[in-house]
């Protein structure tokens, strides 16, 4: 295999794990998860195989948007701990080979932020132009992000005597990125956290961040917003050479390519592939792999310095906004037919296991597919044990329930009274007494042990992060067969999205060779004509290493 120095591109084959400190582990017994609790679970994450920990906002907040409404970009919410606790988390993670990134939420602040309090108090305030103001809202209407909560992206402030822009909740006024002082503040914020040991940021709502409007007629505030994104990437590289910007850009693939920086790859380091995620759920609903295959083939080529991030679930609603109305209704009918399972008319408030009725075959097949897809896999806390949701919690909060460590009180998350917890514990068939870390660590056949195996095999297969992807033709609509090739290494993955067993033909292989199973014991010989056949059970899957005679590569 080609010998390449890949140390600076560690994120190419990382395993990213997202968590909210508030819901992970309460160490001091006050009902709220905290940084000392997280520090106690770093070894658990290391055993799982995580190599990059993504922290959701831990900054001071009035909690009007689950921490995304921030009052101090340089602070740590006192409910969670202090800067020393955070540094201890970062240090402990580093000692275990885990890098830490955090949410960079700079497209808006809380309306309680000192900047906004000063800005609304006087038109001569030095912070007035930190935000976007209008005497009258533009005639052209912009749809709010949360249509069931807000009717407009403009809100009149009695004290300021003007309207201010808010693409999210009215308690979150948008920052005016056109103002050089705001851009300087953002750089200072990034620099501060990098100095404390972060390895980069997950950048929230990047398109909204760049689309901030000026106050003088609705033209784009910056002549070239992407130049600003390039400057942030450059700043990041100067401060920490191998740090990353993982961007939330839910746009069509061709538009996402712009946010990578095109062929130069000088803007976002990674982007979530929302298109592939949504098509995956359409494929699961139809038991037809073709929608997912087409999404993967439609990914635009990007720089070697860029990467797609793949995921099954994230911390927001499971958005289906890039599907057609008919396709979205198919997914709703299959996985969220009840009104309380849907939100904003575009997404689901459910986790994967309940959507699949707890079928372990389908659950394992989907996570095998996640790790076998080309890109960097991202897990949301609790996925490794098959946590469910609590639909009694409003909207997105349904999947942000306390982590389930044991089958005891509050799932081992906290000893406090349930009324003091940040959200309701999952109930029913996915409650902690049925789904928890402690029980699964003792069971070698558990989902947790299976996920640990997947992560080990993923990290053994650099082709998945670095290689060239190809869909392999075969006659079964329910089966996705694909290969990832890097240098002289090749991995073939086959996944059956349907309940019927299938015999999958493979062709065009270089003989002589063997196909060695990586997830179980087994070897399939490639025929002299370069063909082979592999058998899949219903919802079955196999990872196959192509091994030629005399190969010295470890399997």
Protein backbone atom coordinates (compact mmCIF):
# COMPACT_ATOMS: atom_id res chain seq x y z
CA UNK A 1 0.00 0.00 0.00
CA UNK A 2 1.12 3.54 -0.70
CA UNK A 3 3.04 5.07 2.17
CA UNK A 4 1.70 8.54 2.95
CA UNK A 5 2.10 10.84 5.93
CA UNK A 6 -1.51 11.19 7.02
CA UNK A 7 -0.98 12.40 10.56
CA UNK A 8 -2.20 15.94 9.83
CA UNK A 9 -5.39 14.55 8.30
CA UNK A 10 -6.41 12.54 11.35
CA UNK A 11 -10.07 13.32 10.73
CA UNK A 12 -10.09 11.28 7.51
CA UNK A 13 -10.63 8.08 9.48
CA UNK A 14 -11.78 9.45 12.83
CA UNK A 15 -14.77 8.20 14.82
CA UNK A 16 -16.68 11.25 16.07
CA UNK A 17 -18.95 11.04 19.14
CA UNK A 18 -21.35 13.90 19.90
CA UNK A 19 -22.70 14.51 23.39
CA UNK A 20 -24.32 17.18 25.53
CA UNK A 21 -22.53 17.50 28.86
CA UNK A 22 -25.85 18.37 30.48
CA UNK A 23 -27.35 14.94 29.70
CA UNK A 24 -24.29 12.66 29.89
CA UNK A 25 -23.47 12.10 33.59
CA UNK A 26 -24.25 14.06 36.75
CA UNK A 27 -21.29 13.74 39.12
CA UNK A 28 -22.28 16.13 41.92
CA UNK A 29 -25.88 14.95 42.30
CA UNK A 30 -27.67 18.19 41.45
CA UNK A 31 -29.61 16.65 38.55
CA UNK A 32 -27.56 18.23 35.74
CA UNK A 33 -24.80 16.48 33.85
CA UNK A 34 -21.41 18.09 34.34
CA UNK A 35 -17.80 18.16 33.16
CA UNK A 36 -16.45 16.13 36.10
CA UNK A 37 -18.97 13.43 35.18
CA UNK A 38 -17.79 13.49 31.57
CA UNK A 39 -14.17 13.18 32.71
CA UNK A 40 -15.16 9.99 34.55
CA UNK A 41 -16.47 8.49 31.31
CA UNK A 42 -13.56 9.27 28.98
CA UNK A 43 -12.24 5.73 29.47
CA UNK A 44 -15.64 4.40 28.37
CA UNK A 45 -15.38 6.43 25.16
CA UNK A 46 -11.80 5.24 24.61
CA UNK A 47 -12.88 1.60 25.04
CA UNK A 48 -15.67 2.19 22.55
CA UNK A 49 -13.07 3.38 20.03
CA UNK A 50 -13.97 7.06 19.81
CA UNK A 51 -11.16 9.25 18.47
CA UNK A 52 -12.89 12.64 18.39
CA UNK A 53 -15.29 13.97 21.02
CA UNK A 54 -17.72 16.69 19.86
CA UNK A 55 -19.16 18.73 22.72
CA UNK A 56 -22.46 20.48 22.21
CA UNK A 57 -22.59 24.02 23.69
CA UNK A 58 -21.28 24.22 27.25
CA UNK A 59 -21.30 28.03 27.39
CA UNK A 60 -23.39 30.18 29.79
CA UNK A 61 -26.97 30.30 28.56
CA UNK A 62 -30.54 31.15 29.64
CA UNK A 63 -31.54 27.77 28.11
CA UNK A 64 -34.13 29.11 25.66
CA UNK A 65 -32.66 26.92 22.88
CA UNK A 66 -31.00 24.07 24.78
CA UNK A 67 -27.70 25.91 25.11
CA UNK A 68 -27.50 27.38 21.60
CA UNK A 69 -28.54 30.79 23.00
CA UNK A 70 -25.22 31.94 24.43
CA UNK A 71 -24.52 34.84 26.81
CA UNK A 72 -20.71 34.47 26.95
CA UNK A 73 -18.65 32.88 24.16
CA UNK A 74 -15.64 32.64 26.47
CA UNK A 75 -17.39 31.07 29.45
CA UNK A 76 -18.43 27.71 30.85
CA UNK A 77 -21.97 27.37 32.18
CA UNK A 78 -21.59 27.12 35.99
CA UNK A 79 -24.15 24.30 36.09
CA UNK A 80 -21.62 22.18 34.17
CA UNK A 81 -18.42 23.23 35.96
CA UNK A 82 -15.68 25.71 35.20
CA UNK A 83 -12.73 26.19 32.85
CA UNK A 84 -10.52 23.96 34.97
CA UNK A 85 -13.02 21.11 34.64
CA UNK A 86 -13.11 21.55 30.87
CA UNK A 87 -9.32 21.55 30.61
CA UNK A 88 -9.26 18.33 32.65
CA UNK A 89 -11.69 16.74 30.18
CA UNK A 90 -9.53 17.81 27.23
CA UNK A 91 -6.33 16.62 28.92
CA UNK A 92 -7.81 13.26 29.89
CA UNK A 93 -9.20 12.75 26.40
CA UNK A 94 -5.84 13.59 24.83
CA UNK A 95 -4.15 11.06 27.10
CA UNK A 96 -6.51 8.42 25.69
CA UNK A 97 -5.93 9.43 22.07
CA UNK A 98 -9.19 11.37 21.76
CA UNK A 99 -9.30 14.88 20.32
CA UNK A 100 -12.02 17.29 21.41
CA UNK A 101 -13.98 19.72 19.24
CA UNK A 102 -16.84 21.98 20.32
CA UNK A 103 -19.80 23.76 18.81
CA UNK A 104 -18.95 27.17 17.36
CA UNK A 105 -22.27 29.04 17.49
CA UNK A 106 -21.52 32.51 16.17
CA UNK A 107 -24.39 33.22 13.81
CA UNK A 108 -26.36 34.62 16.77
CA UNK A 109 -26.23 35.35 20.50
CA UNK A 110 -28.77 35.22 23.29
CA UNK A 111 -30.81 38.40 23.72
CA UNK A 112 -29.35 38.34 27.25
CA UNK A 113 -25.80 38.69 25.91
CA UNK A 114 -24.08 41.91 27.10
CA UNK A 115 -23.48 42.89 23.48
CA UNK A 116 -27.18 42.81 22.67
CA UNK A 117 -28.19 44.50 25.91
CA UNK A 118 -25.90 47.37 25.04
CA UNK A 119 -26.96 47.38 21.38
CA UNK A 120 -30.67 47.70 22.12
CA UNK A 121 -30.11 50.41 24.74
CA UNK A 122 -28.79 53.06 22.35
CA UNK A 123 -28.24 53.66 18.63
CA UNK A 124 -24.84 55.08 19.51
CA UNK A 125 -23.74 51.95 21.38
CA UNK A 126 -20.48 50.48 20.03
CA UNK A 127 -22.34 47.17 19.86
CA UNK A 128 -25.31 48.46 17.86
CA UNK A 129 -23.79 47.30 14.57
CA UNK A 130 -22.96 43.89 16.04
CA UNK A 131 -26.54 43.03 15.04
CA UNK A 132 -28.78 43.58 12.00
CA UNK A 133 -31.40 46.31 12.44
CA UNK A 134 -34.16 47.72 10.23
CA UNK A 135 -36.76 50.43 10.66
CA UNK A 136 -39.10 48.19 8.67
CA UNK A 137 -38.73 44.53 7.72
CA UNK A 138 -37.99 43.86 4.02
CA UNK A 139 -41.00 43.31 1.81
CA UNK A 140 -39.61 39.95 0.72
CA UNK A 141 -40.47 37.36 3.33
CA UNK A 142 -37.86 34.90 4.59
CA UNK A 143 -39.19 31.68 6.10
CA UNK A 144 -38.24 31.18 9.76
CA UNK A 145 -36.26 28.09 10.68
CA UNK A 146 -38.91 27.05 13.23
CA UNK A 147 -42.23 27.82 11.52
CA UNK A 148 -44.30 26.45 14.39
CA UNK A 149 -42.58 28.81 16.84
CA UNK A 150 -41.90 32.00 14.85
CA UNK A 151 -43.92 33.79 12.17
CA UNK A 152 -41.12 36.06 10.97
CA UNK A 153 -37.32 36.39 11.05
CA UNK A 154 -37.73 40.03 12.16
CA UNK A 155 -38.75 41.11 15.64
CA UNK A 156 -39.57 44.63 16.81
CA UNK A 157 -37.71 45.67 19.95
CA UNK A 158 -39.55 48.40 21.85
CA UNK A 159 -36.44 49.65 23.60
CA UNK A 160 -34.33 49.80 20.45
CA UNK A 161 -37.12 51.26 18.33
CA UNK A 162 -36.18 48.98 15.41
CA UNK A 163 -36.58 45.45 14.13
CA UNK A 164 -33.70 43.00 14.48
CA UNK A 165 -32.96 39.89 12.40
CA UNK A 166 -33.23 36.40 13.94
CA UNK A 167 -33.15 33.38 11.67
CA UNK A 168 -33.91 31.13 14.67
CA UNK A 169 -35.86 32.12 17.79
CA UNK A 170 -36.51 35.78 18.56
CA UNK A 171 -34.44 35.30 21.73
CA UNK A 172 -31.43 34.75 19.41
CA UNK A 173 -30.61 37.95 17.47
CA UNK A 174 -28.31 37.37 14.50
CA UNK A 175 -24.80 38.77 14.56
CA UNK A 176 -23.82 41.13 11.74
CA UNK A 177 -20.83 39.36 10.19
CA UNK A 178 -20.41 42.32 7.82
CA UNK A 179 -19.03 44.27 10.76
CA UNK A 180 -15.22 43.80 10.98
CA UNK A 181 -15.43 44.10 14.75
CA UNK A 182 -17.74 41.05 14.84
CA UNK A 183 -15.35 39.08 12.65
CA UNK A 184 -12.50 40.01 14.99
CA UNK A 185 -14.53 38.82 17.97
CA UNK A 186 -15.20 35.47 16.29
CA UNK A 187 -11.48 34.98 15.66
CA UNK A 188 -10.74 35.79 19.29
CA UNK A 189 -13.34 33.25 20.43
CA UNK A 190 -11.82 30.55 18.24
CA UNK A 191 -8.30 31.43 19.36
CA UNK A 192 -9.28 31.29 23.03
CA UNK A 193 -10.68 27.76 22.89
CA UNK A 194 -7.86 26.51 20.66
CA UNK A 195 -5.39 27.69 23.30
CA UNK A 196 -7.28 25.60 25.88
CA UNK A 197 -6.69 22.51 23.76
CA UNK A 198 -9.58 22.10 21.34
CA UNK A 199 -8.81 20.47 17.99
CA UNK A 200 -11.41 22.42 16.06
CA UNK A 201 -15.09 23.23 15.89
CA UNK A 202 -18.40 22.02 14.61
CA UNK A 203 -19.72 25.20 12.96
CA UNK A 204 -23.44 25.70 13.49
CA UNK A 205 -25.79 26.69 10.62
CA UNK A 206 -23.03 27.79 8.23
CA UNK A 207 -25.25 29.07 5.38
CA UNK A 208 -27.20 31.32 7.76
CA UNK A 209 -23.90 32.47 9.19
CA UNK A 210 -22.75 33.68 5.76
CA UNK A 211 -26.11 35.03 4.61
CA UNK A 212 -26.35 37.80 7.19
CA UNK A 213 -28.02 40.79 5.58
CA UNK A 214 -26.79 44.37 5.75
CA UNK A 215 -28.92 47.16 7.17
CA UNK A 216 -29.07 49.21 4.01
CA UNK A 217 -31.35 47.49 1.55
CA UNK A 218 -30.96 43.74 1.62
CA UNK A 219 -27.77 43.21 -0.36
CA UNK A 220 -25.40 40.53 0.87
CA UNK A 221 -23.42 41.99 3.71
CA UNK A 222 -20.11 40.68 2.38
CA UNK A 223 -19.06 40.94 -1.25
CA UNK A 224 -17.72 37.38 -1.03
CA UNK A 225 -18.97 35.57 2.08
CA UNK A 226 -16.86 32.54 1.19
CA UNK A 227 -13.73 34.66 1.45
CA UNK A 228 -14.60 35.05 5.11
CA UNK A 229 -14.95 31.29 5.50
CA UNK A 230 -11.57 30.87 3.84
CA UNK A 231 -10.08 33.35 6.29
CA UNK A 232 -11.47 31.36 9.23
CA UNK A 233 -9.93 28.16 7.87
CA UNK A 234 -6.62 29.96 7.37
CA UNK A 235 -6.73 31.36 10.90
CA UNK A 236 -7.45 27.89 12.26
CA UNK A 237 -4.51 26.44 10.35
CA UNK A 238 -2.14 29.10 11.67
CA UNK A 239 -3.16 28.49 15.26
CA UNK A 240 -3.44 24.67 15.18
CA UNK A 241 -2.22 23.13 11.95
CA UNK A 242 -4.32 19.96 12.04
CA UNK A 243 -7.52 21.42 13.54
CA UNK A 244 -10.85 21.00 11.75
CA UNK A 245 -13.98 22.92 10.86
CA UNK A 246 -16.91 20.49 10.67
CA UNK A 247 -19.75 22.38 9.06
CA UNK A 248 -23.53 22.02 9.28
CA UNK A 249 -24.55 22.75 5.68
CA UNK A 250 -27.91 21.23 4.78
CA UNK A 251 -27.93 22.13 1.09
CA UNK A 252 -27.89 20.21 -2.21
CA UNK A 253 -24.54 18.57 -2.94
CA UNK A 254 -23.51 21.02 -5.64
CA UNK A 255 -23.99 23.92 -3.24
CA UNK A 256 -22.16 22.10 -0.46
CA UNK A 257 -19.11 21.86 -2.71
CA UNK A 258 -18.75 25.65 -2.49
CA UNK A 259 -18.47 25.40 1.28
CA UNK A 260 -15.54 23.00 0.94
CA UNK A 261 -13.79 25.64 -1.16
CA UNK A 262 -14.07 23.61 -4.36
CA UNK A 263 -10.91 22.00 -5.69
CA UNK A 264 -8.76 24.08 -3.33
CA UNK A 265 -10.39 22.64 -0.21
CA UNK A 266 -9.65 25.81 1.74
CA UNK A 267 -12.97 26.41 3.51
CA UNK A 268 -14.74 23.80 5.68
CA UNK A 269 -12.68 20.71 6.43
CA UNK A 270 -15.69 18.42 6.69
CA UNK A 271 -19.42 18.64 6.05
CA UNK A 272 -22.29 16.43 7.11
CA UNK A 273 -23.82 14.59 4.17
CA UNK A 274 -27.48 15.38 4.81
CA UNK A 275 -28.48 14.19 1.34
CA UNK A 276 -27.10 10.67 1.82
CA UNK A 277 -28.66 10.48 5.29
CA UNK A 278 -32.11 11.39 4.02
CA UNK A 279 -31.86 9.04 1.04
CA UNK A 280 -30.74 6.27 3.39
CA UNK A 281 -34.01 6.56 5.30
CA UNK A 282 -35.93 6.54 2.02
CA UNK A 283 -34.04 3.38 1.04
CA UNK A 284 -34.84 1.80 4.40
CA UNK A 285 -38.53 2.69 4.04
CA UNK A 286 -38.67 1.22 0.52
CA UNK A 287 -36.23 -1.63 1.21
CA UNK A 288 -34.57 -0.44 -1.97
CA UNK A 289 -30.89 0.57 -1.97
CA UNK A 290 -31.09 2.68 -5.13
CA UNK A 291 -31.96 6.07 -3.54
CA UNK A 292 -28.93 5.81 -1.24
CA UNK A 293 -26.66 4.57 -4.03
CA UNK A 294 -27.65 7.47 -6.26
CA UNK A 295 -26.99 9.97 -3.45
CA UNK A 296 -23.50 8.58 -2.92
CA UNK A 297 -22.74 8.63 -6.64
CA UNK A 298 -23.99 12.23 -6.88
CA UNK A 299 -21.52 13.48 -4.28
CA UNK A 300 -19.33 16.05 -6.04
CA UNK A 301 -15.61 15.42 -6.14
CA UNK A 302 -13.79 17.34 -3.44
CA UNK A 303 -10.23 18.12 -2.49
CA UNK A 304 -8.13 15.48 -0.70
CA UNK A 305 -8.12 18.02 2.14
CA UNK A 306 -11.92 17.73 2.47
CA UNK A 307 -14.17 14.98 3.78
CA UNK A 308 -17.83 14.02 4.09
CA UNK A 309 -19.17 13.19 7.54
CA UNK A 310 -21.81 10.45 7.62
CA UNK A 311 -24.43 9.91 10.30
CA UNK A 312 -27.61 8.04 11.16
CA UNK A 313 -28.87 10.45 13.82
CA UNK A 314 -27.92 13.85 15.18
CA UNK A 315 -29.07 16.09 18.03
CA UNK A 316 -31.71 17.97 15.98
CA UNK A 317 -34.83 16.67 14.33
CA UNK A 318 -34.13 13.99 11.74
CA UNK A 319 -34.69 16.35 8.84
CA UNK A 320 -36.16 15.07 5.58
CA UNK A 321 -36.38 18.46 3.92
CA UNK A 322 -34.39 17.47 0.81
CA UNK A 323 -36.82 14.68 -0.09
CA UNK A 324 -39.84 15.37 -2.24
CA UNK A 325 -43.21 15.70 -0.52
CA UNK A 326 -44.16 12.21 -1.66
CA UNK A 327 -40.85 10.71 -0.53
CA UNK A 328 -41.08 12.44 2.83
CA UNK A 329 -44.54 11.00 3.40
CA UNK A 330 -43.17 7.52 2.61
CA UNK A 331 -40.58 7.90 5.36
CA UNK A 332 -43.14 9.37 7.77
CA UNK A 333 -45.48 6.44 7.10
CA UNK A 334 -42.72 3.89 7.69
CA UNK A 335 -40.96 5.38 10.69
CA UNK A 336 -43.06 8.16 12.24
CA UNK A 337 -46.75 7.88 11.37
CA UNK A 338 -48.05 9.60 14.52
CA UNK A 339 -48.20 13.43 14.66
CA UNK A 340 -46.09 13.65 17.84
CA UNK A 341 -43.29 11.83 16.00
CA UNK A 342 -43.06 14.60 13.41
CA UNK A 343 -41.90 18.20 13.73
CA UNK A 344 -41.83 21.34 11.56
CA UNK A 345 -43.47 19.34 8.77
CA UNK A 346 -40.03 18.18 7.67
CA UNK A 347 -38.52 15.88 10.28
CA UNK A 348 -38.81 13.11 12.84
CA UNK A 349 -38.21 13.29 16.59
CA UNK A 350 -37.23 9.64 16.87
CA UNK A 351 -34.09 7.57 17.26
CA UNK A 352 -33.32 4.67 14.94
CA UNK A 353 -34.08 1.60 17.14
CA UNK A 354 -37.74 2.53 17.84
CA UNK A 355 -38.18 3.44 14.17
CA UNK A 356 -37.09 -0.10 13.32
CA UNK A 357 -39.31 -1.61 16.04
CA UNK A 358 -36.21 -2.72 17.92
CA UNK A 359 -35.31 -5.33 15.25
CA UNK A 360 -31.67 -6.14 16.06
CA UNK A 361 -30.99 -7.37 12.52
CA UNK A 362 -32.01 -4.09 10.93
CA UNK A 363 -30.37 -1.94 13.62
CA UNK A 364 -27.01 -3.69 13.19
CA UNK A 365 -27.30 -3.61 9.42
CA UNK A 366 -27.82 0.18 9.44
CA UNK A 367 -24.82 0.82 11.69
CA UNK A 368 -22.69 -1.53 9.62
CA UNK A 369 -23.75 0.53 6.62
CA UNK A 370 -22.85 3.77 8.40
CA UNK A 371 -19.29 2.64 9.12
CA UNK A 372 -18.84 1.09 5.67
CA UNK A 373 -19.82 4.23 3.75
CA UNK A 374 -16.99 6.42 2.48
CA UNK A 375 -16.39 9.27 4.91
CA UNK A 376 -16.07 9.93 8.63
CA UNK A 377 -18.81 8.38 10.84
CA UNK A 378 -20.43 10.54 13.53
CA UNK A 379 -22.32 8.97 16.44
CA UNK A 380 -24.82 10.70 18.73
CA UNK A 381 -24.50 9.64 22.35
CA UNK A 382 -26.47 6.52 23.23
CA UNK A 383 -26.51 5.16 19.68
CA UNK A 384 -23.92 2.57 20.67
CA UNK A 385 -26.42 0.92 23.05
CA UNK A 386 -29.59 1.49 21.00
CA UNK A 387 -31.23 4.22 23.08
CA UNK A 388 -34.74 5.32 22.18
CA UNK A 389 -36.53 8.66 22.49
CA UNK A 390 -39.14 10.11 24.83
CA UNK A 391 -41.91 11.67 22.77
CA UNK A 392 -43.26 13.43 25.87
CA UNK A 393 -40.36 15.88 25.48
CA UNK A 394 -41.03 18.71 23.06
CA UNK A 395 -39.60 18.60 19.54
CA UNK A 396 -35.87 18.05 19.31
CA UNK A 397 -35.62 17.39 23.04
CA UNK A 398 -37.22 13.96 22.50
CA UNK A 399 -33.80 12.54 21.53
CA UNK A 400 -31.78 14.58 24.06
CA UNK A 401 -32.69 12.41 27.04
CA UNK A 402 -30.29 11.46 29.86
CA UNK A 403 -27.67 8.84 29.01
CA UNK A 404 -28.57 5.35 30.23
CA UNK A 405 -25.65 3.92 32.21
CA UNK A 406 -27.44 1.37 34.41
CA UNK A 407 -30.85 -0.11 35.00
CA UNK A 408 -31.21 1.80 38.27
CA UNK A 409 -32.66 5.16 39.22
CA UNK A 410 -32.60 7.66 36.34
CA UNK A 411 -30.61 5.13 34.33
CA UNK A 412 -27.55 5.83 36.50
CA UNK A 413 -27.36 9.35 35.06
CA UNK A 414 -28.06 11.10 38.38
CA UNK A 415 -29.04 10.35 41.98
CA UNK A 416 -31.22 13.49 42.06
CA UNK A 417 -35.00 13.51 41.98
CA UNK A 418 -36.37 12.99 38.49
CA UNK A 419 -37.96 16.46 38.59
CA UNK A 420 -34.47 18.01 38.71
CA UNK A 421 -33.15 16.30 35.59
CA UNK A 422 -32.63 18.30 32.37
CA UNK A 423 -35.24 16.19 30.61
CA UNK A 424 -37.39 13.09 30.97
CA UNK A 425 -35.80 9.65 31.01
CA UNK A 426 -36.81 7.26 28.21
CA UNK A 427 -39.75 5.04 29.16
CA UNK A 428 -41.27 1.81 27.84
CA UNK A 429 -39.34 -0.83 25.94
CA UNK A 430 -36.25 1.36 25.56
CA UNK A 431 -36.15 2.48 29.20
CA UNK A 432 -32.91 2.11 31.19
CA UNK A 433 -34.02 -1.15 32.80
CA UNK A 434 -33.95 -2.66 29.28
CA UNK A 435 -31.24 -0.59 27.55
CA UNK A 436 -28.13 0.45 29.45
CA UNK A 437 -24.34 0.43 29.25
CA UNK A 438 -23.73 -1.74 32.31
CA UNK A 439 -25.79 -4.68 31.07
CA UNK A 440 -24.41 -4.48 27.54
CA UNK A 441 -20.79 -4.35 28.67
CA UNK A 442 -21.39 -7.74 30.34
CA UNK A 443 -23.07 -9.24 27.26
CA UNK A 444 -20.69 -10.16 24.41
CA UNK A 445 -23.66 -10.39 22.02
CA UNK A 446 -24.93 -6.87 22.79
CA UNK A 447 -25.21 -3.96 20.41
CA UNK A 448 -22.44 -2.20 22.37
CA UNK A 449 -19.97 -4.99 21.68
CA UNK A 450 -21.05 -5.07 18.04
CA UNK A 451 -20.43 -1.32 17.74
CA UNK A 452 -17.00 -1.75 19.29
CA UNK A 453 -16.23 -4.38 16.64
CA UNK A 454 -17.47 -2.10 13.86
CA UNK A 455 -15.27 0.74 15.10
CA UNK A 456 -12.19 -1.52 15.31
CA UNK A 457 -12.76 -2.77 11.78
CA UNK A 458 -13.43 0.73 10.48
CA UNK A 459 -10.14 1.93 11.94
CA UNK A 460 -8.42 -1.09 10.35
CA UNK A 461 -9.72 -0.03 6.93
CA UNK A 462 -8.18 3.28 5.78
CA UNK A 463 -9.87 2.76 2.40
CA UNK A 464 -13.15 3.93 3.96
CA UNK A 465 -11.73 7.34 4.81
CA UNK A 466 -9.21 7.75 2.02
CA UNK A 467 -10.26 5.50 -0.83
CA UNK A 468 -12.09 5.74 -4.12
CA UNK A 469 -15.74 4.72 -3.87
CA UNK A 470 -17.63 2.66 -6.47
CA UNK A 471 -21.09 1.08 -6.54
CA UNK A 472 -20.95 -2.53 -7.75
CA UNK A 473 -23.71 -3.58 -10.10
CA UNK A 474 -25.90 -6.47 -8.99
CA UNK A 475 -29.48 -7.57 -9.66
CA UNK A 476 -31.12 -7.10 -6.26
CA UNK A 477 -32.83 -3.76 -5.61
CA UNK A 478 -32.61 -4.29 -1.85
CA UNK A 479 -28.83 -4.80 -1.85
CA UNK A 480 -26.16 -2.11 -1.83
CA UNK A 481 -22.77 -3.46 -2.87
CA UNK A 482 -19.87 -1.03 -3.01
CA UNK A 483 -16.11 -0.95 -2.90
CA UNK A 484 -13.56 1.46 -1.48
CA UNK A 485 -10.05 1.25 -2.93
CA UNK A 486 -6.92 2.99 -1.69
CA UNK A 487 -3.54 2.10 -3.11
CA UNK A 488 -3.41 -1.70 -3.28
CA UNK A 489 -6.06 -2.13 -0.59
CA UNK A 490 -9.71 -2.81 -1.41
CA UNK A 491 -12.74 -3.36 0.80
CA UNK A 492 -16.10 -4.57 -0.52
CA UNK A 493 -19.22 -4.09 1.58
CA UNK A 494 -22.61 -5.64 0.85
CA UNK A 495 -25.80 -4.76 2.74
CA UNK A 496 -29.26 -6.24 2.33
CA UNK A 497 -31.97 -3.68 3.15
CA UNK A 498 -34.71 -6.26 2.73
CA UNK A 499 -35.98 -9.24 4.78
CA UNK A 500 -35.41 -11.90 2.10
CA UNK A 501 -32.07 -13.75 1.80
CA UNK A 502 -30.06 -12.85 -1.29
CA UNK A 503 -27.13 -14.34 -3.17
CA UNK A 504 -25.07 -11.39 -4.35
CA UNK A 505 -22.91 -11.79 -7.46
CA UNK A 506 -19.66 -9.82 -7.65
CA UNK A 507 -17.68 -9.38 -10.86
CA UNK A 508 -14.58 -7.63 -12.19
CA UNK A 509 -12.33 -8.69 -9.32
CA UNK A 510 -8.62 -9.27 -9.82
CA UNK A 511 -7.96 -13.01 -9.60
CA UNK A 512 -6.41 -14.87 -7.93
CA UNK A 513 -7.77 -13.50 -4.68
CA UNK A 514 -9.87 -14.28 -1.65
CA UNK A 515 -12.64 -12.27 -0.03
CA UNK A 516 -12.00 -12.44 3.72
CA UNK A 517 -14.87 -11.56 6.07
CA UNK A 518 -13.94 -8.86 8.58
CA UNK A 519 -17.01 -9.02 10.82
CA UNK A 520 -17.15 -12.81 11.17
CA UNK A 521 -15.17 -15.88 10.22
CA UNK A 522 -15.29 -16.80 6.55
CA UNK A 523 -13.49 -16.65 3.22
CA UNK A 524 -14.87 -16.63 -0.32
CA UNK A 525 -12.59 -17.54 -3.23
CA UNK A 526 -12.61 -15.37 -6.32
CA UNK A 527 -13.03 -17.49 -9.46
CA UNK A 528 -10.43 -17.33 -12.26
CA UNK A 529 -12.81 -15.13 -14.28
CA UNK A 530 -12.84 -12.52 -11.48
CA UNK A 531 -16.32 -13.35 -10.17
CA UNK A 532 -17.60 -14.46 -6.79
CA UNK A 533 -20.86 -14.92 -4.94
CA UNK A 534 -21.69 -14.06 -1.34
CA UNK A 535 -24.83 -15.01 0.56
CA UNK A 536 -26.72 -12.48 2.69
CA UNK A 537 -29.45 -13.30 5.18
CA UNK A 538 -32.44 -10.99 5.45
CA UNK A 539 -31.05 -7.62 6.60
CA UNK A 540 -27.62 -9.23 6.37
CA UNK A 541 -24.30 -7.53 5.73
CA UNK A 542 -20.66 -8.44 5.12
CA UNK A 543 -17.37 -6.56 4.94
CA UNK A 544 -14.96 -8.33 2.61
CA UNK A 545 -11.23 -7.64 2.37
CA UNK A 546 -9.81 -8.46 -1.08
CA UNK A 547 -6.65 -10.44 -0.34
CA UNK A 548 -4.20 -11.51 -3.05
CA UNK A 549 -1.67 -14.32 -2.64
CA UNK A 550 1.41 -13.20 -0.78
CA UNK A 551 -0.31 -10.16 0.72
CA UNK A 552 1.32 -9.00 3.96
CA UNK A 553 -1.48 -6.71 5.07
CA UNK A 554 -3.07 -7.45 8.45
CA UNK A 555 -6.76 -8.29 8.15
